[in-house]
Amino acid sequence: MEKVLVLLLVALAAVVYAAPDPRGLIINLEDGEICLNSAQCKSSCCQHDTILGISRCTFKAPENSECSPKSILHGVYYKCPCERGLTCESDKSILGSITNTNYGICLDAGRSRE
């Protein structure tokens, strides 16, 4: 059993090193590539439309668009967090955080709200 595991690890290492640019196979994924977690994406947002849908890396939410607050609980979002410098004004309830349904709107943190 140990020999099989070692052989599998060697084969995996050979495949990774044979790729012309090994970055991007598991991490550093570009927008549009399939992901399992936001940590894999260059944009830091892995998004899916439905619970059974395929998740893909995508850009963060621009100003005045729907967003989800950043969360350590969810590696995959229905709505991406805001771009740098913007805040997601949303419902801060615990239930919304757990179910990932606390959507809001990206607003400029520096602008005064009237």
PDB file of N, CA and C in Angstrom:
ATOM      1  N   MET A   1       0.820  -1.192   0.000  1.00  0.00           N
ATOM      2  CA  MET A   1       0.000   0.000   0.000  1.00  0.00           C
ATOM      3  C   MET A   1       0.865   1.259   0.000  1.00  0.00           C
ATOM      4  N   GLU A   2       1.967   1.252   0.773  1.00  0.00           N
ATOM      5  CA  GLU A   2       2.865   2.404   0.819  1.00  0.00           C
ATOM      6  C   GLU A   2       3.499   2.656  -0.540  1.00  0.00           C
ATOM      7  N   LYS A   3       3.852   1.579  -1.245  1.00  0.00           N
ATOM      8  CA  LYS A   3       4.487   1.727  -2.552  1.00  0.00           C
ATOM      9  C   LYS A   3       3.519   2.375  -3.547  1.00  0.00           C
ATOM     10  N   VAL A   4       2.250   2.028  -3.451  1.00  0.00           N
ATOM     11  CA  VAL A   4       1.252   2.605  -4.340  1.00  0.00           C
ATOM     12  C   VAL A   4       1.111   4.104  -4.072  1.00  0.00           C
ATOM     13  N   LEU A   5       1.079   4.492  -2.792  1.00  0.00           N
ATOM     14  CA  LEU A   5       0.979   5.899  -2.429  1.00  0.00           C
ATOM     15  C   LEU A   5       2.184   6.687  -2.919  1.00  0.00           C
ATOM     16  N   VAL A   6       3.359   6.142  -2.738  1.00  0.00           N
ATOM     17  CA  VAL A   6       4.580   6.810  -3.198  1.00  0.00           C
ATOM     18  C   VAL A   6       4.553   6.960  -4.715  1.00  0.00           C
ATOM     19  N   LEU A   7       4.148   5.924  -5.418  1.00  0.00           N
ATOM     20  CA  LEU A   7       4.072   5.972  -6.871  1.00  0.00           C
ATOM     21  C   LEU A   7       3.064   7.027  -7.337  1.00  0.00           C
ATOM     22  N   LEU A   8       1.941   7.120  -6.647  1.00  0.00           N
ATOM     23  CA  LEU A   8       0.942   8.124  -6.980  1.00  0.00           C
ATOM     24  C   LEU A   8       1.469   9.534  -6.754  1.00  0.00           C
ATOM     25  N   LEU A   9       2.169   9.761  -5.657  1.00  0.00           N
ATOM     26  CA  LEU A   9       2.740  11.074  -5.368  1.00  0.00           C
ATOM     27  C   LEU A   9       3.797  11.462  -6.393  1.00  0.00           C
ATOM     28  N   VAL A  10       4.629  10.514  -6.795  1.00  0.00           N
ATOM     29  CA  VAL A  10       5.646  10.773  -7.808  1.00  0.00           C
ATOM     30  C   VAL A  10       4.987  11.114  -9.138  1.00  0.00           C
ATOM     31  N   ALA A  11       3.933  10.386  -9.506  1.00  0.00           N
ATOM     32  CA  ALA A  11       3.227  10.660 -10.756  1.00  0.00           C
ATOM     33  C   ALA A  11       2.581  12.041 -10.718  1.00  0.00           C
ATOM     34  N   LEU A  12       1.998  12.412  -9.589  1.00  0.00           N
ATOM     35  CA  LEU A  12       1.384  13.722  -9.449  1.00  0.00           C
ATOM     36  C   LEU A  12       2.428  14.833  -9.561  1.00  0.00           C
ATOM     37  N   ALA A  13       3.548  14.647  -8.900  1.00  0.00           N
ATOM     38  CA  ALA A  13       4.630  15.635  -8.982  1.00  0.00           C
ATOM     39  C   ALA A  13       5.136  15.777 -10.412  1.00  0.00           C
ATOM     40  N   ALA A  14       5.233  14.670 -11.134  1.00  0.00           N
ATOM     41  CA  ALA A  14       5.692  14.712 -12.526  1.00  0.00           C
ATOM     42  C   ALA A  14       4.723  15.503 -13.397  1.00  0.00           C
ATOM     43  N   VAL A  15       3.441  15.326 -13.187  1.00  0.00           N
ATOM     44  CA  VAL A  15       2.437  16.056 -13.970  1.00  0.00           C
ATOM     45  C   VAL A  15       2.516  17.547 -13.675  1.00  0.00           C
ATOM     46  N   VAL A  16       2.641  17.902 -12.395  1.00  0.00           N
ATOM     47  CA  VAL A  16       2.702  19.314 -12.007  1.00  0.00           C
ATOM     48  C   VAL A  16       3.946  19.975 -12.588  1.00  0.00           C
ATOM     49  N   TYR A  17       5.092  19.318 -12.498  1.00  0.00           N
ATOM     50  CA  TYR A  17       6.322  19.917 -13.005  1.00  0.00           C
ATOM     51  C   TYR A  17       6.414  19.876 -14.525  1.00  0.00           C
ATOM     52  N   ALA A  18       5.658  19.020 -15.175  1.00  0.00           N
ATOM     53  CA  ALA A  18       5.677  18.953 -16.635  1.00  0.00           C
ATOM     54  C   ALA A  18       4.874  20.092 -17.256  1.00  0.00           C
ATOM     55  N   ALA A  19       3.941  20.649 -16.496  1.00  0.00           N
ATOM     56  CA  ALA A  19       3.135  21.762 -17.008  1.00  0.00           C
ATOM     57  C   ALA A  19       4.037  22.969 -17.224  1.00  0.00           C
ATOM     58  N   PRO A  20       3.840  23.727 -18.297  1.00  0.00           N
ATOM     59  CA  PRO A  20       4.698  24.869 -18.581  1.00  0.00           C
ATOM     60  C   PRO A  20       4.662  25.925 -17.483  1.00  0.00           C
ATOM     61  N   ASP A  21       3.520  26.176 -16.899  1.00  0.00           N
ATOM     62  CA  ASP A  21       3.396  27.124 -15.794  1.00  0.00           C
ATOM     63  C   ASP A  21       2.514  26.491 -14.732  1.00  0.00           C
ATOM     64  N   PRO A  22       3.127  25.832 -13.725  1.00  0.00           N
ATOM     65  CA  PRO A  22       2.330  25.091 -12.754  1.00  0.00           C
ATOM     66  C   PRO A  22       1.388  25.969 -11.938  1.00  0.00           C
ATOM     67  N   ARG A  23       1.699  27.277 -11.808  1.00  0.00           N
ATOM     68  CA  ARG A  23       0.757  28.159 -11.125  1.00  0.00           C
ATOM     69  C   ARG A  23      -0.495  28.235 -11.973  1.00  0.00           C
ATOM     70  N   GLY A  24      -1.639  28.122 -11.381  1.00  0.00           N
ATOM     71  CA  GLY A  24      -2.884  28.169 -12.121  1.00  0.00           C
ATOM     72  C   GLY A  24      -3.548  26.810 -12.249  1.00  0.00           C
ATOM     73  N   LEU A  25      -2.865  25.754 -11.818  1.00  0.00           N
ATOM     74  CA  LEU A  25      -3.497  24.441 -11.821  1.00  0.00           C
ATOM     75  C   LEU A  25      -4.424  24.298 -10.616  1.00  0.00           C
ATOM     76  N   ILE A  26      -3.984  24.837  -9.485  1.00  0.00           N
ATOM     77  CA  ILE A  26      -4.757  24.720  -8.244  1.00  0.00           C
ATOM     78  C   ILE A  26      -4.991  26.091  -7.629  1.00  0.00           C
ATOM     79  N   ILE A  27      -4.006  26.985  -7.710  1.00  0.00           N
ATOM     80  CA  ILE A  27      -4.141  28.341  -7.175  1.00  0.00           C
ATOM     81  C   ILE A  27      -3.837  29.340  -8.281  1.00  0.00           C
ATOM     82  N   ASN A  28      -4.076  30.610  -7.988  1.00  0.00           N
ATOM     83  CA  ASN A  28      -3.821  31.673  -8.965  1.00  0.00           C
ATOM     84  C   ASN A  28      -4.690  31.521 -10.202  1.00  0.00           C
ATOM     85  N   LEU A  29      -5.912  31.067 -10.046  1.00  0.00           N
ATOM     86  CA  LEU A  29      -6.794  30.841 -11.186  1.00  0.00           C
ATOM     87  C   LEU A  29      -7.315  32.153 -11.744  1.00  0.00           C
ATOM     88  N   GLU A  30      -7.425  32.215 -13.056  1.00  0.00           N
ATOM     89  CA  GLU A  30      -7.930  33.399 -13.752  1.00  0.00           C
ATOM     90  C   GLU A  30      -9.459  33.422 -13.700  1.00  0.00           C
ATOM     91  N   ASP A  31     -10.045  34.589 -14.002  1.00  0.00           N
ATOM     92  CA  ASP A  31     -11.501  34.705 -14.082  1.00  0.00           C
ATOM     93  C   ASP A  31     -12.047  33.737 -15.121  1.00  0.00           C
ATOM     94  N   GLY A  32     -13.123  33.034 -14.764  1.00  0.00           N
ATOM     95  CA  GLY A  32     -13.757  32.076 -15.659  1.00  0.00           C
ATOM     96  C   GLY A  32     -13.333  30.637 -15.421  1.00  0.00           C
ATOM     97  N   GLU A  33     -12.229  30.430 -14.693  1.00  0.00           N
ATOM     98  CA  GLU A  33     -11.778  29.067 -14.429  1.00  0.00           C
ATOM     99  C   GLU A  33     -12.564  28.459 -13.272  1.00  0.00           C
ATOM    100  N   ILE A  34     -12.762  27.154 -13.314  1.00  0.00           N
ATOM    101  CA  ILE A  34     -13.520  26.432 -12.295  1.00  0.00           C
ATOM    102  C   ILE A  34     -12.734  26.418 -10.984  1.00  0.00           C
ATOM    103  N   CYS A  35     -13.433  26.662  -9.878  1.00  0.00           N
ATOM    104  CA  CYS A  35     -12.792  26.720  -8.565  1.00  0.00           C
ATOM    105  C   CYS A  35     -13.647  26.001  -7.520  1.00  0.00           C
ATOM    106  N   LEU A  36     -13.021  25.713  -6.395  1.00  0.00           N
ATOM    107  CA  LEU A  36     -13.723  25.112  -5.256  1.00  0.00           C
ATOM    108  C   LEU A  36     -13.778  26.058  -4.071  1.00  0.00           C
ATOM    109  N   ASN A  37     -12.888  27.086  -4.082  1.00  0.00           N
ATOM    110  CA  ASN A  37     -12.782  27.999  -2.970  1.00  0.00           C
ATOM    111  C   ASN A  37     -12.220  29.323  -3.473  1.00  0.00           C
ATOM    112  N   SER A  38     -12.615  30.422  -2.852  1.00  0.00           N
ATOM    113  CA  SER A  38     -12.151  31.744  -3.272  1.00  0.00           C
ATOM    114  C   SER A  38     -10.644  31.917  -3.123  1.00  0.00           C
ATOM    115  N   ALA A  39     -10.024  31.163  -2.229  1.00  0.00           N
ATOM    116  CA  ALA A  39      -8.583  31.268  -2.035  1.00  0.00           C
ATOM    117  C   ALA A  39      -7.803  30.824  -3.276  1.00  0.00           C
ATOM    118  N   GLN A  40      -8.432  30.068  -4.161  1.00  0.00           N
ATOM    119  CA  GLN A  40      -7.785  29.608  -5.380  1.00  0.00           C
ATOM    120  C   GLN A  40      -7.711  30.689  -6.456  1.00  0.00           C
ATOM    121  N   CYS A  41      -8.572  31.681  -6.380  1.00  0.00           N
ATOM    122  CA  CYS A  41      -8.728  32.672  -7.451  1.00  0.00           C
ATOM    123  C   CYS A  41      -7.834  33.888  -7.243  1.00  0.00           C
ATOM    124  N   LYS A  42      -7.291  34.409  -8.348  1.00  0.00           N
ATOM    125  CA  LYS A  42      -6.526  35.656  -8.294  1.00  0.00           C
ATOM    126  C   LYS A  42      -7.404  36.782  -7.764  1.00  0.00           C
ATOM    127  N   SER A  43      -8.668  36.780  -8.140  1.00  0.00           N
ATOM    128  CA  SER A  43      -9.600  37.831  -7.724  1.00  0.00           C
ATOM    129  C   SER A  43     -10.119  37.632  -6.296  1.00  0.00           C
ATOM    130  N   SER A  44      -9.851  36.496  -5.705  1.00  0.00           N
ATOM    131  CA  SER A  44     -10.342  36.134  -4.362  1.00  0.00           C
ATOM    132  C   SER A  44     -11.853  35.997  -4.313  1.00  0.00           C
ATOM    133  N   CYS A  45     -12.464  35.629  -5.446  1.00  0.00           N
ATOM    134  CA  CYS A  45     -13.906  35.377  -5.453  1.00  0.00           C
ATOM    135  C   CYS A  45     -14.237  34.188  -6.333  1.00  0.00           C
ATOM    136  N   CYS A  46     -14.737  33.135  -5.700  1.00  0.00           N
ATOM    137  CA  CYS A  46     -15.245  31.949  -6.387  1.00  0.00           C
ATOM    138  C   CYS A  46     -16.762  32.028  -6.259  1.00  0.00           C
ATOM    139  N   GLN A  47     -17.475  32.083  -7.382  1.00  0.00           N
ATOM    140  CA  GLN A  47     -18.912  32.350  -7.373  1.00  0.00           C
ATOM    141  C   GLN A  47     -19.680  31.277  -8.124  1.00  0.00           C
ATOM    142  N   HIS A  48     -20.894  30.972  -7.627  1.00  0.00           N
ATOM    143  CA  HIS A  48     -21.812  30.081  -8.333  1.00  0.00           C
ATOM    144  C   HIS A  48     -23.214  30.652  -8.268  1.00  0.00           C
ATOM    145  N   ASP A  49     -24.054  30.255  -9.233  1.00  0.00           N
ATOM    146  CA  ASP A  49     -25.418  30.785  -9.303  1.00  0.00           C
ATOM    147  C   ASP A  49     -26.399  29.965  -8.477  1.00  0.00           C
ATOM    148  N   THR A  50     -26.195  28.651  -8.431  1.00  0.00           N
ATOM    149  CA  THR A  50     -27.057  27.761  -7.655  1.00  0.00           C
ATOM    150  C   THR A  50     -26.175  26.840  -6.826  1.00  0.00           C
ATOM    151  N   ILE A  51     -26.757  26.217  -5.841  1.00  0.00           N
ATOM    152  CA  ILE A  51     -25.989  25.342  -4.954  1.00  0.00           C
ATOM    153  C   ILE A  51     -25.373  24.176  -5.721  1.00  0.00           C
ATOM    154  N   LEU A  52     -26.004  23.724  -6.779  1.00  0.00           N
ATOM    155  CA  LEU A  52     -25.474  22.628  -7.577  1.00  0.00           C
ATOM    156  C   LEU A  52     -24.729  23.111  -8.823  1.00  0.00           C
ATOM    157  N   GLY A  53     -24.658  24.431  -8.997  1.00  0.00           N
ATOM    158  CA  GLY A  53     -23.986  24.993 -10.169  1.00  0.00           C
ATOM    159  C   GLY A  53     -22.467  24.907 -10.055  1.00  0.00           C
ATOM    160  N   ILE A  54     -21.815  25.024 -11.191  1.00  0.00           N
ATOM    161  CA  ILE A  54     -20.347  25.012 -11.230  1.00  0.00           C
ATOM    162  C   ILE A  54     -19.842  26.368 -10.762  1.00  0.00           C
ATOM    163  N   SER A  55     -18.877  26.351  -9.861  1.00  0.00           N
ATOM    164  CA  SER A  55     -18.293  27.587  -9.342  1.00  0.00           C
ATOM    165  C   SER A  55     -17.133  28.006 -10.228  1.00  0.00           C
ATOM    166  N   ARG A  56     -17.051  29.309 -10.494  1.00  0.00           N
ATOM    167  CA  ARG A  56     -15.979  29.851 -11.320  1.00  0.00           C
ATOM    168  C   ARG A  56     -15.417  31.106 -10.672  1.00  0.00           C
ATOM    169  N   CYS A  57     -14.126  31.339 -10.902  1.00  0.00           N
ATOM    170  CA  CYS A  57     -13.507  32.569 -10.435  1.00  0.00           C
ATOM    171  C   CYS A  57     -14.107  33.729 -11.216  1.00  0.00           C
ATOM    172  N   THR A  58     -14.355  34.821 -10.532  1.00  0.00           N
ATOM    173  CA  THR A  58     -14.892  36.005 -11.196  1.00  0.00           C
ATOM    174  C   THR A  58     -14.411  37.254 -10.473  1.00  0.00           C
ATOM    175  N   PHE A  59     -14.563  38.403 -11.113  1.00  0.00           N
ATOM    176  CA  PHE A  59     -14.111  39.672 -10.553  1.00  0.00           C
ATOM    177  C   PHE A  59     -14.957  40.053  -9.354  1.00  0.00           C
ATOM    178  N   LYS A  60     -14.394  40.891  -8.491  1.00  0.00           N
ATOM    179  CA  LYS A  60     -15.142  41.375  -7.334  1.00  0.00           C
ATOM    180  C   LYS A  60     -16.178  42.394  -7.785  1.00  0.00           C
ATOM    181  N   ALA A  61     -17.170  42.615  -6.946  1.00  0.00           N
ATOM    182  CA  ALA A  61     -18.298  43.486  -7.285  1.00  0.00           C
ATOM    183  C   ALA A  61     -17.875  44.957  -7.335  1.00  0.00           C
ATOM    184  N   PRO A  62     -18.223  45.658  -8.434  1.00  0.00           N
ATOM    185  CA  PRO A  62     -17.924  47.088  -8.532  1.00  0.00           C
ATOM    186  C   PRO A  62     -18.943  47.920  -7.751  1.00  0.00           C
ATOM    187  N   GLU A  63     -18.729  49.232  -7.704  1.00  0.00           N
ATOM    188  CA  GLU A  63     -19.609  50.141  -6.971  1.00  0.00           C
ATOM    189  C   GLU A  63     -21.046  50.062  -7.495  1.00  0.00           C
ATOM    190  N   ASN A  64     -21.990  50.137  -6.581  1.00  0.00           N
ATOM    191  CA  ASN A  64     -23.435  50.117  -6.844  1.00  0.00           C
ATOM    192  C   ASN A  64     -23.953  48.784  -7.388  1.00  0.00           C
ATOM    193  N   SER A  65     -23.212  47.698  -7.216  1.00  0.00           N
ATOM    194  CA  SER A  65     -23.714  46.388  -7.636  1.00  0.00           C
ATOM    195  C   SER A  65     -23.929  45.513  -6.402  1.00  0.00           C
ATOM    196  N   GLU A  66     -24.677  44.419  -6.582  1.00  0.00           N
ATOM    197  CA  GLU A  66     -24.967  43.520  -5.461  1.00  0.00           C
ATOM    198  C   GLU A  66     -23.694  42.841  -4.975  1.00  0.00           C
ATOM    199  N   CYS A  67     -23.654  42.587  -3.671  1.00  0.00           N
ATOM    200  CA  CYS A  67     -22.459  41.985  -3.078  1.00  0.00           C
ATOM    201  C   CYS A  67     -22.838  41.135  -1.875  1.00  0.00           C
ATOM    202  N   SER A  68     -21.879  40.335  -1.448  1.00  0.00           N
ATOM    203  CA  SER A  68     -21.950  39.624  -0.175  1.00  0.00           C
ATOM    204  C   SER A  68     -20.799  40.146   0.666  1.00  0.00           C
ATOM    205  N   PRO A  69     -21.001  40.323   1.959  1.00  0.00           N
ATOM    206  CA  PRO A  69     -19.870  40.716   2.797  1.00  0.00           C
ATOM    207  C   PRO A  69     -18.834  39.587   2.803  1.00  0.00           C
ATOM    208  N   LYS A  70     -17.554  39.935   2.967  1.00  0.00           N
ATOM    209  CA  LYS A  70     -16.525  38.910   3.055  1.00  0.00           C
ATOM    210  C   LYS A  70     -16.833  38.016   4.244  1.00  0.00           C
ATOM    211  N   SER A  71     -16.594  36.734   4.077  1.00  0.00           N
ATOM    212  CA  SER A  71     -16.917  35.774   5.125  1.00  0.00           C
ATOM    213  C   SER A  71     -15.855  34.690   5.188  1.00  0.00           C
ATOM    214  N   ILE A  72     -15.472  34.317   6.408  1.00  0.00           N
ATOM    215  CA  ILE A  72     -14.540  33.198   6.546  1.00  0.00           C
ATOM    216  C   ILE A  72     -15.282  31.867   6.491  1.00  0.00           C
ATOM    217  N   LEU A  73     -16.619  31.916   6.608  1.00  0.00           N
ATOM    218  CA  LEU A  73     -17.405  30.684   6.575  1.00  0.00           C
ATOM    219  C   LEU A  73     -17.588  30.153   5.161  1.00  0.00           C
ATOM    220  N   HIS A  74     -17.629  31.054   4.188  1.00  0.00           N
ATOM    221  CA  HIS A  74     -17.944  30.647   2.823  1.00  0.00           C
ATOM    222  C   HIS A  74     -16.749  30.842   1.910  1.00  0.00           C
ATOM    223  N   GLY A  75     -16.363  29.796   1.241  1.00  0.00           N
ATOM    224  CA  GLY A  75     -15.311  29.897   0.252  1.00  0.00           C
ATOM    225  C   GLY A  75     -15.877  30.157  -1.119  1.00  0.00           C
ATOM    226  N   VAL A  76     -17.194  29.962  -1.271  1.00  0.00           N
ATOM    227  CA  VAL A  76     -17.872  30.176  -2.549  1.00  0.00           C
ATOM    228  C   VAL A  76     -19.053  31.108  -2.284  1.00  0.00           C
ATOM    229  N   TYR A  77     -19.201  32.105  -3.140  1.00  0.00           N
ATOM    230  CA  TYR A  77     -20.248  33.115  -2.963  1.00  0.00           C
ATOM    231  C   TYR A  77     -21.308  33.024  -4.055  1.00  0.00           C
ATOM    232  N   TYR A  78     -22.519  33.501  -3.730  1.00  0.00           N
ATOM    233  CA  TYR A  78     -23.550  33.727  -4.743  1.00  0.00           C
ATOM    234  C   TYR A  78     -23.327  35.107  -5.357  1.00  0.00           C
ATOM    235  N   LYS A  79     -22.896  36.057  -4.557  1.00  0.00           N
ATOM    236  CA  LYS A  79     -22.528  37.410  -4.992  1.00  0.00           C
ATOM    237  C   LYS A  79     -21.136  37.674  -4.427  1.00  0.00           C
ATOM    238  N   CYS A  80     -20.235  38.185  -5.244  1.00  0.00           N
ATOM    239  CA  CYS A  80     -18.856  38.422  -4.793  1.00  0.00           C
ATOM    240  C   CYS A  80     -18.775  39.601  -3.830  1.00  0.00           C
ATOM    241  N   PRO A  81     -17.759  39.597  -2.964  1.00  0.00           N
ATOM    242  CA  PRO A  81     -17.507  40.774  -2.124  1.00  0.00           C
ATOM    243  C   PRO A  81     -17.088  41.962  -3.002  1.00  0.00           C
ATOM    244  N   CYS A  82     -17.072  43.136  -2.411  1.00  0.00           N
ATOM    245  CA  CYS A  82     -16.761  44.369  -3.143  1.00  0.00           C
ATOM    246  C   CYS A  82     -15.270  44.498  -3.471  1.00  0.00           C
ATOM    247  N   GLU A  83     -15.019  45.320  -4.488  1.00  0.00           N
ATOM    248  CA  GLU A  83     -13.652  45.683  -4.838  1.00  0.00           C
ATOM    249  C   GLU A  83     -13.023  46.445  -3.681  1.00  0.00           C
ATOM    250  N   ARG A  84     -11.702  46.565  -3.701  1.00  0.00           N
ATOM    251  CA  ARG A  84     -10.969  47.285  -2.659  1.00  0.00           C
ATOM    252  C   ARG A  84     -11.456  48.736  -2.593  1.00  0.00           C
ATOM    253  N   GLY A  85     -11.632  49.242  -1.388  1.00  0.00           N
ATOM    254  CA  GLY A  85     -12.079  50.613  -1.188  1.00  0.00           C
ATOM    255  C   GLY A  85     -13.585  50.757  -1.075  1.00  0.00           C
ATOM    256  N   LEU A  86     -14.323  49.678  -1.346  1.00  0.00           N
ATOM    257  CA  LEU A  86     -15.775  49.715  -1.252  1.00  0.00           C
ATOM    258  C   LEU A  86     -16.222  48.850  -0.081  1.00  0.00           C
ATOM    259  N   THR A  87     -17.389  49.176   0.471  1.00  0.00           N
ATOM    260  CA  THR A  87     -17.945  48.355   1.541  1.00  0.00           C
ATOM    261  C   THR A  87     -19.298  47.811   1.103  1.00  0.00           C
ATOM    262  N   CYS A  88     -19.623  46.631   1.588  1.00  0.00           N
ATOM    263  CA  CYS A  88     -20.891  45.999   1.257  1.00  0.00           C
ATOM    264  C   CYS A  88     -21.892  46.334   2.351  1.00  0.00           C
ATOM    265  N   GLU A  89     -22.806  47.259   2.036  1.00  0.00           N
ATOM    266  CA  GLU A  89     -23.842  47.656   2.992  1.00  0.00           C
ATOM    267  C   GLU A  89     -24.964  46.629   2.912  1.00  0.00           C
ATOM    268  N   SER A  90     -25.027  45.756   3.925  1.00  0.00           N
ATOM    269  CA  SER A  90     -25.990  44.652   3.879  1.00  0.00           C
ATOM    270  C   SER A  90     -26.533  44.349   5.264  1.00  0.00           C
ATOM    271  N   ASP A  91     -27.461  43.411   5.290  1.00  0.00           N
ATOM    272  CA  ASP A  91     -28.009  42.888   6.536  1.00  0.00           C
ATOM    273  C   ASP A  91     -26.902  42.127   7.249  1.00  0.00           C
ATOM    274  N   LYS A  92     -26.636  42.465   8.481  1.00  0.00           N
ATOM    275  CA  LYS A  92     -25.545  41.837   9.232  1.00  0.00           C
ATOM    276  C   LYS A  92     -26.027  40.715  10.149  1.00  0.00           C
ATOM    277  N   SER A  93     -27.180  40.119   9.858  1.00  0.00           N
ATOM    278  CA  SER A  93     -27.729  39.094  10.743  1.00  0.00           C
ATOM    279  C   SER A  93     -26.914  37.801  10.680  1.00  0.00           C
ATOM    280  N   ILE A  94     -26.938  37.054  11.751  1.00  0.00           N
ATOM    281  CA  ILE A  94     -26.212  35.780  11.817  1.00  0.00           C
ATOM    282  C   ILE A  94     -26.822  34.780  10.844  1.00  0.00           C
ATOM    283  N   LEU A  95     -28.140  34.730  10.750  1.00  0.00           N
ATOM    284  CA  LEU A  95     -28.805  33.804   9.830  1.00  0.00           C
ATOM    285  C   LEU A  95     -28.390  34.094   8.384  1.00  0.00           C
ATOM    286  N   GLY A  96     -28.341  35.361   8.023  1.00  0.00           N
ATOM    287  CA  GLY A  96     -27.913  35.736   6.678  1.00  0.00           C
ATOM    288  C   GLY A  96     -26.483  35.320   6.400  1.00  0.00           C
ATOM    289  N   SER A  97     -25.619  35.424   7.415  1.00  0.00           N
ATOM    290  CA  SER A  97     -24.225  35.008   7.258  1.00  0.00           C
ATOM    291  C   SER A  97     -24.105  33.500   7.071  1.00  0.00           C
ATOM    292  N   ILE A  98     -24.863  32.751   7.815  1.00  0.00           N
ATOM    293  CA  ILE A  98     -24.794  31.290   7.739  1.00  0.00           C
ATOM    294  C   ILE A  98     -25.326  30.787   6.403  1.00  0.00           C
ATOM    295  N   THR A  99     -26.429  31.369   5.941  1.00  0.00           N
ATOM    296  CA  THR A  99     -27.050  30.902   4.700  1.00  0.00           C
ATOM    297  C   THR A  99     -26.515  31.617   3.465  1.00  0.00           C
ATOM    298  N   ASN A 100     -25.618  32.584   3.661  1.00  0.00           N
ATOM    299  CA  ASN A 100     -25.005  33.337   2.568  1.00  0.00           C
ATOM    300  C   ASN A 100     -26.067  34.060   1.738  1.00  0.00           C
ATOM    301  N   THR A 101     -27.065  34.638   2.423  1.00  0.00           N
ATOM    302  CA  THR A 101     -28.126  35.380   1.734  1.00  0.00           C
ATOM    303  C   THR A 101     -28.181  36.830   2.194  1.00  0.00           C
ATOM    304  N   ASN A 102     -27.142  37.293   2.848  1.00  0.00           N
ATOM    305  CA  ASN A 102     -27.131  38.670   3.346  1.00  0.00           C
ATOM    306  C   ASN A 102     -26.527  39.603   2.299  1.00  0.00           C
ATOM    307  N   TYR A 103     -27.182  39.683   1.146  1.00  0.00           N
ATOM    308  CA  TYR A 103     -26.689  40.506   0.053  1.00  0.00           C
ATOM    309  C   TYR A 103     -26.876  41.983   0.365  1.00  0.00           C
ATOM    310  N   GLY A 104     -26.043  42.780  -0.266  1.00  0.00           N
ATOM    311  CA  GLY A 104     -26.131  44.223  -0.096  1.00  0.00           C
ATOM    312  C   GLY A 104     -25.703  44.911  -1.376  1.00  0.00           C
ATOM    313  N   ILE A 105     -25.310  46.172  -1.252  1.00  0.00           N
ATOM    314  CA  ILE A 105     -24.860  46.988  -2.377  1.00  0.00           C
ATOM    315  C   ILE A 105     -23.473  47.533  -2.032  1.00  0.00           C
ATOM    316  N   CYS A 106     -22.556  47.502  -2.994  1.00  0.00           N
ATOM    317  CA  CYS A 106     -21.207  48.046  -2.805  1.00  0.00           C
ATOM    318  C   CYS A 106     -21.260  49.570  -2.850  1.00  0.00           C
ATOM    319  N   LEU A 107     -20.767  50.186  -1.795  1.00  0.00           N
ATOM    320  CA  LEU A 107     -20.724  51.644  -1.721  1.00  0.00           C
ATOM    321  C   LEU A 107     -19.309  52.093  -1.400  1.00  0.00           C
ATOM    322  N   ASP A 108     -18.957  53.284  -1.864  1.00  0.00           N
ATOM    323  CA  ASP A 108     -17.635  53.858  -1.612  1.00  0.00           C
ATOM    324  C   ASP A 108     -17.534  54.194  -0.140  1.00  0.00           C
ATOM    325  N   ALA A 109     -16.538  53.641   0.531  1.00  0.00           N
ATOM    326  CA  ALA A 109     -16.371  53.857   1.974  1.00  0.00           C
ATOM    327  C   ALA A 109     -15.993  55.301   2.282  1.00  0.00           C
ATOM    328  N   GLY A 110     -15.367  56.002   1.349  1.00  0.00           N
ATOM    329  CA  GLY A 110     -14.909  57.366   1.583  1.00  0.00           C
ATOM    330  C   GLY A 110     -15.979  58.435   1.397  1.00  0.00           C
ATOM    331  N   ARG A 111     -17.022  58.125   0.660  1.00  0.00           N
ATOM    332  CA  ARG A 111     -18.080  59.108   0.400  1.00  0.00           C
ATOM    333  C   ARG A 111     -18.977  59.273   1.621  1.00  0.00           C
ATOM    334  N   SER A 112     -19.442  60.466   1.817  1.00  0.00           N
ATOM    335  CA  SER A 112     -20.395  60.684   2.917  1.00  0.00           C
ATOM    336  C   SER A 112     -21.771  60.222   2.470  1.00  0.00           C
ATOM    337  N   ARG A 113     -22.476  59.599   3.366  1.00  0.00           N
ATOM    338  CA  ARG A 113     -23.829  59.106   3.056  1.00  0.00           C
ATOM    339  C   ARG A 113     -24.846  60.099   3.583  1.00  0.00           C
ATOM    340  N   GLU A 114     -25.728  60.520   2.745  1.00  0.00           N
ATOM    341  CA  GLU A 114     -26.741  61.504   3.152  1.00  0.00           C
ATOM    342  C   GLU A 114     -28.106  60.898   3.118  1.00  0.00           C
TER     343      GLU A 114
END
